[in-house]
Amino acid sequence: MQRMSGIDPMFVYSDTPVTPMEVAYTCVFDPATAPGGYSFGAVRAVLADRVPTMLPLLRRMMPVPLGLDHPRWVDDPGFDLDNHLRRAALPAPGGDVELRAKVAEVMGRPLDHSQPPWEMHMVEGLAGGRVALIAKVHHSVIDGVAGVQLMAQLLDFSPEGRPADTADTAAAAASAADGGATADGGTTGEATGGATTTAASATTAASATTAASATTAGVRWRAPSLPSSVQLVAHAIPSVVTSPIRAFGALREIGKTAIRMAQRALDEETPPLSIPLGAPATFETPVGAARSVAFAELGLGPVRELKERFGVTINDVILAVCSGALRAHLAKHDYLAGSDQEPGSPLVAVVPISVRSDSPEDDLGNRLSAMFVPLANDLPDPIDRLRSIAAASASAKAQERAVGYGPMASALSEAVPPVLARRVIRMGISMGALRRARAGNLMISNVPGPDFPLYFAGMQMMAAYPLGPVVDGVALNITVQSYNDTLFVGLNACASAVPDLSGLACSIVNELAHMTEAAEHAYNRMGSIERRARSARLAS
């Protein structure tokens, strides 16, 4: 039995039937590399062998009676793989439209919390003989960085796979996926917090090794019976007794944060303090249950070239690409920042930041903070947008590091009585408090992944589109992950809030080409002396 900690319980309390707090991957595979081709039985056999080595997938959440403390993770004695693995087939012609419709259906249906909160859908009938895997898990289990580690344990380096009941290779895969983070050396998007994800790899490997020890010598994993209400209360008593200490710690953290914010506001050498409230009203509508999903792919090469040419980060380029795409998309739908509807107000992106430490206590849960970045979509020139976003992002990142939103959120989560936290969060959701406060218009995450091909049941993974949750007040989520020299973009949105999501995905692809062309023109306009001086600055 393990107590939920940090911000993980907040994802449980924020979960509603209309806004399930769930993250997902849509992976497309080519069966041509698999010995004997694709078969559902082969996929199930791989999962039956590896899932028992992955402890986060074997645990369900149980609330503590009377809301005395945060929920507990407990091993599920009734775990049955067939309750989590589903088989589906797309209608003809099995193209992008049909796949997106299936993924949207899965994303709009909440997980069953009476069992480990995850599910996988093996989707057949894709055009060209390909198959897809839709893997969905509750956000309280993992964040984006940990999701990469977890997926790596399911995948292989070669079509031949690895021996059954071997945890070492799974750990190596997780570590290699971490080492394959090619974006800014692991400082982009959810990996922006300055902490490396090595600890997450080590913890994942340790969990795999621990669980795998139960699978050696033919002995499979078995869970004890579920704890009784009395046992749950007994387990919670030490936490209840120490709650005043945590409350004091939260007050101290709030005080320290207030002091740091005041010091930063008074420092004339730092940019003005950014308060995450009052974003434009774009996409401000109550979120419904129906989802719209779209996908895009960007070459990592052109993104790296823009990064080097302008001395920015890959995350800055991604934000600028999204900014230009949103500008074009909103203009097409008569909703442009700078118009009479939104006078001079750029959209604001909520950008998650990983704050994982090197502590072995950092497990597969969430270690997140956030920064709030104006997207400069009121500027017509793409290079001006990139430079403005790079400056705003650097300022927001420095502010987050100085202020420490992540530690403060964790401290508050630990201090507020769970019964009160749940009621306050649910009341705020029902009243649309977050939507009216408008901390941001959309969420943009960038997660580094492996730069080499991976395989599942012998099939090469050709695409891996990540998808993040939609919440009331942030009706659009754009998540990006690098894999094998490509950036795969997953868009998840409230279907009634964001029109023509597939058109926005096309605009993202077009915007990268537009930015590349604009960069060439800007470079060609430079004089030879200016070019040499700029090259020297970048090299130093």
Protein backbone atom coordinates (compact mmCIF):
# COMPACT_ATOMS: atom_id res chain seq x y z
CA MET A 1 0.00 0.00 0.00
CA GLN A 2 1.41 3.40 -1.00
CA ARG A 3 0.13 6.87 -0.22
CA MET A 4 -0.37 9.27 -3.13
CA SER A 5 1.84 12.29 -2.67
CA GLY A 6 2.82 15.54 -4.31
CA ILE A 7 0.40 16.79 -6.93
CA ASP A 8 -0.75 13.29 -7.93
CA PRO A 9 -3.94 13.41 -5.80
CA MET A 10 -4.93 16.69 -7.47
CA PHE A 11 -5.33 14.83 -10.75
CA VAL A 12 -7.72 12.44 -9.01
CA TYR A 13 -9.75 15.23 -7.39
CA SER A 14 -9.89 17.13 -10.72
CA ASP A 15 -11.19 14.10 -12.59
CA THR A 16 -14.78 14.35 -13.83
CA PRO A 17 -16.75 12.32 -16.38
CA VAL A 18 -16.51 15.29 -18.75
CA THR A 19 -12.84 16.09 -18.13
CA PRO A 20 -11.02 12.83 -17.38
CA MET A 21 -7.42 13.51 -16.37
CA GLU A 22 -5.80 11.01 -18.69
CA VAL A 23 -2.79 10.92 -20.99
CA ALA A 24 -2.34 8.67 -24.01
CA TYR A 25 -0.16 7.57 -26.87
CA THR A 26 -1.28 6.58 -30.35
CA CYS A 27 1.47 4.45 -31.85
CA VAL A 28 1.44 3.20 -35.45
CA PHE A 29 3.34 0.01 -36.30
CA ASP A 30 4.49 -1.67 -39.51
CA PRO A 31 3.98 -5.47 -39.28
CA ALA A 32 6.37 -6.06 -42.21
CA THR A 33 9.30 -6.31 -39.78
CA ALA A 34 7.62 -8.87 -37.51
CA PRO A 35 8.56 -12.52 -38.02
CA GLY A 36 5.33 -14.04 -39.28
CA GLY A 37 3.61 -10.66 -39.49
CA TYR A 38 1.03 -9.20 -37.10
CA SER A 39 -1.18 -11.24 -34.84
CA PHE A 40 -3.25 -10.11 -31.87
CA GLY A 41 -2.11 -13.22 -30.02
CA ALA A 42 1.54 -12.18 -30.34
CA VAL A 43 0.73 -8.71 -28.99
CA ARG A 44 -1.15 -10.18 -26.05
CA ALA A 45 1.71 -12.59 -25.32
CA VAL A 46 4.21 -9.70 -25.13
CA LEU A 47 1.94 -7.75 -22.78
CA ALA A 48 1.24 -10.82 -20.65
CA ASP A 49 4.98 -11.23 -20.19
CA ARG A 50 5.90 -7.59 -19.53
CA VAL A 51 2.98 -5.98 -17.72
CA PRO A 52 3.66 -8.07 -14.56
CA THR A 53 7.11 -6.40 -14.42
CA MET A 54 5.56 -2.91 -14.41
CA LEU A 55 4.24 -2.15 -10.93
CA PRO A 56 2.38 1.08 -11.84
CA LEU A 57 0.15 -0.94 -14.18
CA LEU A 58 -0.76 -3.45 -11.47
CA ARG A 59 -2.06 -1.00 -8.86
CA ARG A 60 -5.47 0.52 -8.41
CA MET A 61 -6.40 3.54 -6.34
CA MET A 62 -8.49 3.29 -3.18
CA PRO A 63 -9.89 6.26 -1.24
CA VAL A 64 -9.32 6.47 2.49
CA PRO A 65 -12.65 6.39 4.40
CA LEU A 66 -14.05 9.78 5.38
CA GLY A 67 -11.42 11.50 3.25
CA LEU A 68 -8.94 11.37 6.13
CA ASP A 69 -5.97 11.31 3.78
CA HIS A 70 -5.03 11.08 0.11
CA PRO A 71 -5.94 7.88 -1.78
CA ARG A 72 -3.72 4.82 -1.64
CA TRP A 73 -2.16 2.82 -4.44
CA VAL A 74 -2.78 -0.86 -3.72
CA ASP A 75 -1.94 -4.00 -5.67
CA ASP A 76 -5.03 -5.28 -7.46
CA PRO A 77 -5.64 -8.98 -6.62
CA GLY A 78 -8.24 -9.17 -9.38
CA PHE A 79 -5.91 -7.90 -12.08
CA ASP A 80 -6.76 -9.40 -15.46
CA LEU A 81 -4.97 -8.26 -18.61
CA ASP A 82 -8.10 -8.87 -20.67
CA ASN A 83 -9.88 -6.15 -18.69
CA HIS A 84 -7.34 -3.64 -20.05
CA LEU A 85 -6.52 -4.89 -23.54
CA ARG A 86 -9.12 -4.39 -26.26
CA ARG A 87 -9.19 -5.25 -29.94
CA ALA A 88 -10.79 -3.02 -32.56
CA ALA A 89 -10.85 -2.56 -36.32
CA LEU A 90 -11.20 0.67 -38.30
CA PRO A 91 -13.87 0.97 -40.97
CA ALA A 92 -12.64 1.25 -44.56
CA PRO A 93 -10.53 2.87 -45.86
CA GLY A 94 -8.70 2.90 -42.50
CA GLY A 95 -7.10 6.29 -43.07
CA ASP A 96 -6.25 9.25 -40.86
CA VAL A 97 -9.90 10.29 -40.50
CA GLU A 98 -10.98 6.88 -39.23
CA LEU A 99 -8.01 6.57 -36.84
CA ARG A 100 -8.59 10.03 -35.40
CA ALA A 101 -12.25 9.24 -34.82
CA LYS A 102 -11.33 6.07 -32.92
CA VAL A 103 -8.76 7.89 -30.77
CA ALA A 104 -11.24 10.69 -30.02
CA GLU A 105 -13.77 8.09 -28.90
CA VAL A 106 -11.22 6.55 -26.52
CA MET A 107 -10.12 9.94 -25.16
CA GLY A 108 -13.71 10.95 -24.42
CA ARG A 109 -14.46 7.87 -22.30
CA PRO A 110 -13.17 7.88 -18.68
CA LEU A 111 -11.15 5.00 -17.29
CA ASP A 112 -12.56 2.56 -14.75
CA HIS A 113 -11.09 3.42 -11.34
CA SER A 114 -12.19 0.12 -9.80
CA GLN A 115 -9.15 -1.43 -11.47
CA PRO A 116 -5.65 -0.18 -12.41
CA PRO A 117 -6.41 3.01 -14.37
CA TRP A 118 -5.07 2.20 -17.82
CA GLU A 119 -6.17 0.53 -21.02
CA MET A 120 -4.76 -0.38 -24.42
CA HIS A 121 -6.65 -0.68 -27.71
CA MET A 122 -5.06 -2.69 -30.51
CA VAL A 123 -6.50 -1.18 -33.68
CA GLU A 124 -6.42 -3.16 -36.91
CA GLY A 125 -7.48 -2.26 -40.43
CA LEU A 126 -5.22 0.75 -41.02
CA ALA A 127 -4.39 1.55 -44.62
CA GLY A 128 -1.27 -0.15 -45.93
CA GLY A 129 -1.68 -3.12 -43.60
CA ARG A 130 -0.47 -1.21 -40.56
CA VAL A 131 -1.85 -1.45 -37.02
CA ALA A 132 -2.09 1.04 -34.16
CA LEU A 133 -1.94 0.89 -30.38
CA ILE A 134 -3.85 3.43 -28.31
CA ALA A 135 -2.43 3.32 -24.77
CA LYS A 136 -4.18 5.47 -22.15
CA VAL A 137 -3.33 5.92 -18.46
CA HIS A 138 -4.53 8.20 -15.68
CA HIS A 139 -2.39 11.29 -15.15
CA SER A 140 -1.96 10.46 -11.44
CA VAL A 141 0.21 7.52 -12.52
CA ILE A 142 2.66 9.29 -14.83
CA ASP A 143 3.65 12.57 -16.41
CA GLY A 144 5.06 12.91 -19.92
CA VAL A 145 8.66 12.11 -19.06
CA ALA A 146 7.70 9.07 -16.99
CA GLY A 147 5.36 7.99 -19.79
CA VAL A 148 8.33 7.73 -22.14
CA GLN A 149 10.11 5.54 -19.60
CA LEU A 150 7.06 3.31 -19.16
CA MET A 151 6.51 2.87 -22.89
CA ALA A 152 10.19 2.03 -23.33
CA GLN A 153 9.73 -0.98 -21.07
CA LEU A 154 7.15 -2.36 -23.49
CA LEU A 155 9.29 -1.85 -26.59
CA ASP A 156 12.41 -3.48 -28.02
CA PHE A 157 15.55 -2.42 -29.86
CA SER A 158 15.09 -5.01 -32.62
CA PRO A 159 12.33 -7.07 -34.25
CA GLU A 160 13.66 -10.16 -32.49
CA GLY A 161 12.63 -8.74 -29.12
CA ARG A 162 14.18 -9.88 -25.87
CA PRO A 163 13.98 -12.99 -23.71
CA ALA A 164 10.84 -13.41 -21.65
CA ASP A 165 10.91 -12.44 -17.97
CA THR A 166 13.99 -10.23 -18.40
CA ALA A 167 13.88 -6.90 -16.63
CA ASP A 168 17.44 -5.80 -17.41
CA THR A 169 16.71 -5.17 -21.08
CA ALA A 170 13.58 -3.25 -20.15
CA ALA A 171 15.62 -1.06 -17.84
CA ALA A 172 18.19 -0.54 -20.59
CA ALA A 173 15.44 0.48 -22.99
CA ALA A 174 14.11 2.99 -20.49
CA SER A 175 17.59 4.37 -19.90
CA ALA A 176 18.31 4.57 -23.63
CA ALA A 177 15.04 6.39 -24.24
CA ASP A 178 16.12 8.91 -21.64
CA GLY A 179 19.54 9.22 -23.22
CA GLY A 180 17.96 9.70 -26.63
CA ALA A 181 16.53 13.05 -25.60
CA THR A 182 17.89 15.13 -28.45
CA ALA A 183 16.02 18.34 -27.77
CA ASP A 184 18.30 20.89 -26.11
CA GLY A 185 20.06 18.22 -24.14
CA GLY A 186 16.91 17.41 -22.19
CA THR A 187 15.83 20.98 -21.50
CA THR A 188 12.64 21.28 -23.51
CA GLY A 189 8.99 21.25 -22.58
CA GLU A 190 8.43 18.89 -19.71
CA ALA A 191 12.19 18.48 -19.43
CA THR A 192 12.75 22.20 -18.91
CA GLY A 193 13.10 22.33 -15.17
CA GLY A 194 16.84 21.81 -15.11
CA ALA A 195 16.58 18.37 -13.55
CA THR A 196 17.60 15.38 -15.61
CA THR A 197 15.38 12.35 -15.95
CA THR A 198 18.12 9.90 -15.07
CA ALA A 199 16.57 9.32 -11.67
CA ALA A 200 13.27 8.46 -13.30
CA SER A 201 15.04 5.90 -15.46
CA ALA A 202 16.75 4.38 -12.44
CA THR A 203 13.51 4.23 -10.48
CA THR A 204 11.66 2.69 -13.40
CA ALA A 205 14.40 0.11 -13.77
CA ALA A 206 14.30 -0.62 -10.04
CA SER A 207 10.53 -1.09 -10.15
CA ALA A 208 10.87 -3.41 -13.12
CA THR A 209 13.58 -5.43 -11.40
CA THR A 210 11.57 -5.72 -8.19
CA ALA A 211 8.46 -6.87 -9.98
CA ALA A 212 10.37 -9.15 -12.30
CA SER A 213 11.83 -10.99 -9.34
CA ALA A 214 8.36 -12.36 -8.78
CA THR A 215 8.28 -13.71 -12.33
CA THR A 216 11.48 -15.71 -12.27
CA ALA A 217 11.58 -19.48 -11.87
CA GLY A 218 8.04 -19.66 -13.29
CA VAL A 219 6.44 -17.82 -10.34
CA ARG A 220 4.11 -15.07 -11.59
CA TRP A 221 3.14 -11.90 -9.77
CA ARG A 222 0.37 -12.23 -7.21
CA ALA A 223 -1.26 -9.48 -5.17
CA PRO A 224 -2.60 -9.76 -1.64
CA SER A 225 -6.25 -9.11 -0.97
CA LEU A 226 -7.51 -5.53 -0.99
CA PRO A 227 -7.09 -3.66 2.32
CA SER A 228 -10.19 -3.24 4.47
CA SER A 229 -11.54 0.13 5.57
CA VAL A 230 -9.94 -0.41 8.97
CA GLN A 231 -6.57 -1.09 7.37
CA LEU A 232 -6.86 2.00 5.19
CA VAL A 233 -7.66 4.17 8.19
CA ALA A 234 -4.83 2.62 10.20
CA HIS A 235 -2.42 3.28 7.35
CA ALA A 236 -3.60 6.90 7.20
CA ILE A 237 -3.31 7.66 10.92
CA PRO A 238 0.41 8.57 10.88
CA SER A 239 -0.24 10.96 8.01
CA VAL A 240 -3.22 12.49 9.81
CA VAL A 241 -1.15 12.98 12.96
CA THR A 242 1.63 14.73 11.04
CA SER A 243 -0.74 16.89 8.96
CA PRO A 244 -0.12 20.01 11.15
CA ILE A 245 3.57 19.72 10.33
CA ARG A 246 2.79 19.60 6.62
CA ALA A 247 0.43 22.55 6.97
CA PHE A 248 3.19 24.54 8.64
CA GLY A 249 5.56 23.53 5.85
CA ALA A 250 3.04 24.66 3.23
CA LEU A 251 2.63 28.04 4.93
CA ARG A 252 6.38 28.40 5.05
CA GLU A 253 6.66 27.51 1.35
CA ILE A 254 3.93 30.04 0.48
CA GLY A 255 5.78 32.68 2.48
CA LYS A 256 9.08 31.87 0.79
CA THR A 257 7.37 32.01 -2.61
CA ALA A 258 5.81 35.40 -1.81
CA ILE A 259 9.22 36.75 -0.75
CA ARG A 260 10.88 35.45 -3.90
CA MET A 261 8.14 37.00 -6.05
CA ALA A 262 8.51 40.34 -4.27
CA GLN A 263 12.28 40.28 -4.65
CA ARG A 264 11.96 39.50 -8.34
CA ALA A 265 9.36 42.23 -8.84
CA LEU A 266 11.65 44.81 -7.19
CA ASP A 267 14.75 43.73 -9.12
CA GLU A 268 15.23 46.23 -11.94
CA GLU A 269 17.49 43.83 -13.85
CA THR A 270 14.81 41.15 -14.25
CA PRO A 271 11.82 41.31 -16.61
CA PRO A 272 8.43 42.27 -15.16
CA LEU A 273 6.74 39.62 -13.05
CA SER A 274 4.25 37.57 -15.04
CA ILE A 275 1.03 36.70 -13.22
CA PRO A 276 -0.75 33.67 -14.77
CA LEU A 277 -4.20 35.27 -14.96
CA GLY A 278 -6.22 37.15 -17.55
CA ALA A 279 -5.35 35.38 -20.81
CA PRO A 280 -7.59 36.23 -23.80
CA ALA A 281 -11.03 34.64 -23.94
CA THR A 282 -10.14 32.50 -26.98
CA PHE A 283 -11.50 28.93 -26.60
CA GLU A 284 -13.28 30.03 -23.40
CA THR A 285 -16.28 27.74 -23.35
CA PRO A 286 -17.49 25.03 -20.96
CA VAL A 287 -15.78 21.77 -21.89
CA GLY A 288 -18.03 18.97 -23.05
CA ALA A 289 -17.39 15.23 -23.08
CA ALA A 290 -16.82 14.91 -26.85
CA ARG A 291 -13.21 15.12 -28.02
CA SER A 292 -11.56 16.03 -31.29
CA VAL A 293 -8.11 14.61 -32.07
CA ALA A 294 -5.57 15.44 -34.78
CA PHE A 295 -1.98 14.52 -35.61
CA ALA A 296 0.98 16.18 -37.31
CA GLU A 297 4.62 15.38 -37.98
CA LEU A 298 7.56 17.79 -38.12
CA GLY A 299 11.12 17.08 -39.22
CA LEU A 300 13.51 17.48 -36.32
CA GLY A 301 16.25 18.63 -38.74
CA PRO A 302 14.58 21.93 -39.76
CA VAL A 303 13.67 22.61 -36.13
CA ARG A 304 17.30 22.15 -35.08
CA GLU A 305 18.44 24.46 -37.90
CA LEU A 306 16.13 27.22 -36.64
CA LYS A 307 17.39 26.64 -33.12
CA GLU A 308 21.03 27.03 -34.17
CA ARG A 309 20.41 29.92 -36.54
CA PHE A 310 18.67 32.11 -33.99
CA GLY A 311 20.34 30.89 -30.79
CA VAL A 312 17.08 29.71 -29.22
CA THR A 313 15.89 26.38 -27.83
CA ILE A 314 13.96 23.66 -29.60
CA ASN A 315 11.09 24.35 -27.24
CA ASP A 316 11.09 28.00 -28.40
CA VAL A 317 10.84 26.85 -32.02
CA ILE A 318 7.96 24.50 -31.20
CA LEU A 319 6.09 27.26 -29.38
CA ALA A 320 6.69 29.62 -32.32
CA VAL A 321 5.43 27.02 -34.80
CA CYS A 322 2.27 26.57 -32.72
CA SER A 323 1.91 30.35 -32.46
CA GLY A 324 2.04 30.90 -36.20
CA ALA A 325 -0.29 27.97 -36.82
CA LEU A 326 -2.81 29.33 -34.32
CA ARG A 327 -2.54 32.81 -35.87
CA ALA A 328 -3.36 31.43 -39.32
CA HIS A 329 -6.05 29.12 -37.99
CA LEU A 330 -7.82 31.76 -35.93
CA ALA A 331 -7.63 34.26 -38.79
CA LYS A 332 -9.26 31.68 -41.05
CA HIS A 333 -12.05 31.39 -38.49
CA ASP A 334 -12.31 35.17 -37.95
CA TYR A 335 -10.69 35.16 -34.51
CA LEU A 336 -7.32 36.92 -34.73
CA ALA A 337 -5.43 38.48 -31.82
CA GLY A 338 -5.25 42.17 -32.53
CA SER A 339 -8.73 42.33 -34.04
CA ASP A 340 -11.74 44.03 -32.55
CA GLN A 341 -12.54 40.79 -30.74
CA GLU A 342 -9.15 40.49 -29.04
CA PRO A 343 -7.37 43.86 -29.13
CA GLY A 344 -3.62 43.17 -29.07
CA SER A 345 -3.83 40.18 -26.74
CA PRO A 346 -1.67 37.19 -27.68
CA LEU A 347 -2.66 33.72 -26.59
CA VAL A 348 -0.96 32.31 -23.48
CA ALA A 349 0.43 28.78 -23.44
CA VAL A 350 0.69 26.76 -20.24
CA VAL A 351 3.98 24.88 -20.61
CA PRO A 352 4.62 22.00 -18.15
CA ILE A 353 8.12 21.76 -16.70
CA SER A 354 9.67 18.65 -15.23
CA VAL A 355 11.15 19.22 -11.78
CA ARG A 356 12.37 15.68 -11.24
CA SER A 357 15.35 15.49 -8.92
CA ASP A 358 18.08 12.88 -8.57
CA SER A 359 16.33 11.49 -5.51
CA PRO A 360 15.46 7.78 -5.72
CA GLU A 361 12.11 8.72 -4.18
CA ASP A 362 11.07 10.25 -7.52
CA ASP A 363 8.88 7.45 -8.81
CA LEU A 364 6.63 7.32 -11.87
CA GLY A 365 4.24 9.93 -10.52
CA ASN A 366 4.16 13.59 -11.49
CA ARG A 367 7.04 15.96 -10.82
CA LEU A 368 5.72 19.01 -12.61
CA SER A 369 5.65 22.75 -12.47
CA ALA A 370 4.58 25.14 -15.23
CA MET A 371 5.46 28.35 -16.97
CA PHE A 372 3.06 30.69 -18.75
CA VAL A 373 4.32 31.94 -22.11
CA PRO A 374 2.64 34.62 -24.29
CA LEU A 375 2.68 33.21 -27.84
CA ALA A 376 3.10 36.55 -29.69
CA ASN A 377 0.51 35.52 -32.28
CA ASP A 378 -0.37 39.21 -32.58
CA LEU A 379 2.91 39.73 -34.49
CA PRO A 380 2.69 39.16 -38.27
CA ASP A 381 6.35 38.22 -38.87
CA PRO A 382 7.33 34.63 -37.95
CA ILE A 383 10.89 35.55 -36.96
CA ASP A 384 9.63 38.35 -34.72
CA ARG A 385 7.30 35.80 -33.11
CA LEU A 386 10.18 33.40 -32.53
CA ARG A 387 12.37 36.06 -30.93
CA SER A 388 9.52 37.35 -28.77
CA ILE A 389 8.64 33.82 -27.61
CA ALA A 390 12.30 33.01 -26.88
CA ALA A 391 12.59 36.09 -24.66
CA ALA A 392 9.25 35.42 -22.93
CA SER A 393 10.11 31.76 -22.43
CA ALA A 394 13.52 32.55 -20.91
CA SER A 395 11.89 35.06 -18.57
CA ALA A 396 9.10 32.63 -17.59
CA LYS A 397 11.60 29.84 -17.02
CA ALA A 398 13.77 32.06 -14.83
CA GLN A 399 10.69 33.19 -12.92
CA GLU A 400 9.58 29.60 -12.32
CA ARG A 401 13.04 28.66 -11.05
CA ALA A 402 13.16 31.69 -8.79
CA VAL A 403 9.60 31.41 -7.50
CA GLY A 404 9.17 27.62 -7.43
CA TYR A 405 5.54 27.00 -8.38
CA GLY A 406 6.08 23.23 -8.37
CA PRO A 407 7.29 22.91 -4.76
CA MET A 408 4.53 25.28 -3.62
CA ALA A 409 1.84 23.23 -5.39
CA SER A 410 3.18 20.00 -3.88
CA ALA A 411 3.32 21.55 -0.41
CA LEU A 412 -0.26 22.79 -0.71
CA SER A 413 -1.41 19.38 -1.94
CA GLU A 414 0.21 17.76 1.07
CA ALA A 415 -1.23 20.28 3.54
CA VAL A 416 -4.85 20.78 2.51
CA PRO A 417 -7.16 18.13 4.03
CA PRO A 418 -8.20 15.78 1.21
CA VAL A 419 -11.91 16.00 1.98
CA LEU A 420 -11.65 19.79 1.67
CA ALA A 421 -9.39 19.71 -1.40
CA ARG A 422 -11.76 17.48 -3.33
CA ARG A 423 -14.79 19.63 -2.53
CA VAL A 424 -13.04 22.91 -3.35
CA ILE A 425 -11.69 21.60 -6.64
CA ARG A 426 -15.04 20.11 -7.67
CA MET A 427 -16.84 23.33 -6.73
CA GLY A 428 -14.34 25.37 -8.71
CA ILE A 429 -14.84 23.12 -11.74
CA SER A 430 -18.64 23.33 -11.51
CA MET A 431 -18.45 27.14 -11.24
CA GLY A 432 -15.94 27.44 -14.10
CA ALA A 433 -13.40 29.18 -11.85
CA LEU A 434 -10.34 28.16 -13.86
CA ARG A 435 -12.06 29.08 -17.12
CA ARG A 436 -12.93 32.54 -15.82
CA ALA A 437 -9.48 33.13 -14.29
CA ARG A 438 -7.93 32.27 -17.69
CA ALA A 439 -4.43 31.26 -16.64
CA GLY A 440 -3.85 30.15 -20.22
CA ASN A 441 -5.63 29.35 -23.46
CA LEU A 442 -3.96 26.07 -24.30
CA MET A 443 -1.32 23.67 -23.03
CA ILE A 444 1.81 22.91 -25.06
CA SER A 445 4.13 20.11 -23.89
CA ASN A 446 7.36 18.90 -25.46
CA VAL A 447 8.75 15.57 -24.31
CA PRO A 448 12.13 14.25 -25.55
CA GLY A 449 12.11 10.67 -26.79
CA PRO A 450 14.52 8.14 -28.33
CA ASP A 451 16.36 8.93 -31.57
CA PHE A 452 16.44 5.31 -32.79
CA PRO A 453 13.73 2.90 -34.00
CA LEU A 454 11.80 0.76 -31.52
CA TYR A 455 9.75 -2.41 -31.99
CA PHE A 456 6.69 -4.00 -30.43
CA ALA A 457 5.94 -7.69 -30.99
CA GLY A 458 8.45 -7.51 -33.86
CA MET A 459 6.70 -4.55 -35.53
CA GLN A 460 8.62 -1.33 -36.09
CA MET A 461 7.04 1.73 -34.50
CA MET A 462 6.57 4.25 -37.28
CA ALA A 463 4.82 6.99 -35.30
CA ALA A 464 4.14 7.88 -31.66
CA TYR A 465 1.60 10.66 -31.14
CA PRO A 466 1.28 11.79 -27.49
CA LEU A 467 -1.99 13.20 -26.17
CA GLY A 468 -2.55 15.24 -23.02
CA PRO A 469 -5.75 15.97 -21.08
CA VAL A 470 -8.28 18.73 -21.69
CA VAL A 471 -9.61 20.63 -18.68
CA ASP A 472 -12.27 23.28 -18.20
CA GLY A 473 -10.52 26.53 -19.05
CA VAL A 474 -7.81 24.93 -21.21
CA ALA A 475 -9.77 23.34 -24.03
CA LEU A 476 -6.81 22.61 -26.32
CA ASN A 477 -3.78 20.44 -25.56
CA ILE A 478 -0.84 20.16 -27.97
CA THR A 479 1.78 17.58 -27.01
CA VAL A 480 5.00 16.98 -28.95
CA GLN A 481 7.45 14.10 -28.67
CA SER A 482 10.63 13.43 -30.60
CA TYR A 483 11.20 9.94 -31.98
CA ASN A 484 13.71 8.81 -34.56
CA ASP A 485 14.45 12.32 -35.96
CA THR A 486 10.78 13.29 -36.17
CA LEU A 487 8.61 15.41 -33.90
CA PHE A 488 5.21 13.77 -33.53
CA VAL A 489 2.43 16.20 -32.57
CA GLY A 490 -0.80 15.13 -30.90
CA LEU A 491 -3.69 17.58 -30.58
CA ASN A 492 -6.55 16.87 -28.18
CA ALA A 493 -9.40 19.36 -27.81
CA CYS A 494 -12.95 19.83 -26.68
CA ALA A 495 -14.83 19.22 -29.93
CA SER A 496 -17.16 22.18 -29.40
CA ALA A 497 -14.43 24.65 -28.39
CA VAL A 498 -11.84 24.38 -31.16
CA PRO A 499 -13.13 24.35 -34.74
CA ASP A 500 -11.46 22.30 -37.48
CA LEU A 501 -8.72 20.69 -35.38
CA SER A 502 -7.34 18.77 -38.36
CA GLY A 503 -6.95 22.12 -40.12
CA LEU A 504 -4.90 23.38 -37.17
CA ALA A 505 -2.67 20.29 -37.47
CA CYS A 506 -2.08 21.12 -41.15
CA SER A 507 -1.30 24.71 -40.19
CA ILE A 508 1.40 23.45 -37.79
CA VAL A 509 3.14 21.62 -40.65
CA ASN A 510 2.78 24.62 -42.96
CA GLU A 511 4.09 27.03 -40.33
CA LEU A 512 7.39 25.20 -39.95
CA ALA A 513 7.94 25.49 -43.70
CA HIS A 514 6.95 29.17 -43.53
CA MET A 515 9.39 29.83 -40.67
CA THR A 516 12.20 28.03 -42.49
CA GLU A 517 11.60 30.14 -45.60
CA ALA A 518 11.46 33.35 -43.56
CA ALA A 519 14.70 32.39 -41.82
CA GLU A 520 16.42 31.90 -45.19
CA HIS A 521 15.26 35.32 -46.35
CA ALA A 522 16.44 36.93 -43.11
CA TYR A 523 19.80 35.22 -43.41
CA ASN A 524 20.21 36.24 -47.05
CA ARG A 525 19.52 39.86 -46.13
CA MET A 526 22.44 39.87 -43.71
CA GLY A 527 25.73 41.34 -44.87
CA SER A 528 28.80 39.09 -44.94
CA ILE A 529 30.40 40.89 -41.97
CA GLU A 530 27.20 40.54 -39.90
CA ARG A 531 27.02 36.82 -40.78
CA ARG A 532 30.59 36.21 -39.61
CA ALA A 533 29.99 38.14 -36.39
CA ARG A 534 26.80 36.20 -35.73
CA SER A 535 28.49 32.85 -36.40
CA ALA A 536 31.25 33.80 -33.97
CA ARG A 537 28.69 34.65 -31.27
CA LEU A 538 26.92 31.31 -31.71
CA ALA A 539 30.21 29.41 -31.63
CA SER A 540 31.36 31.08 -28.40
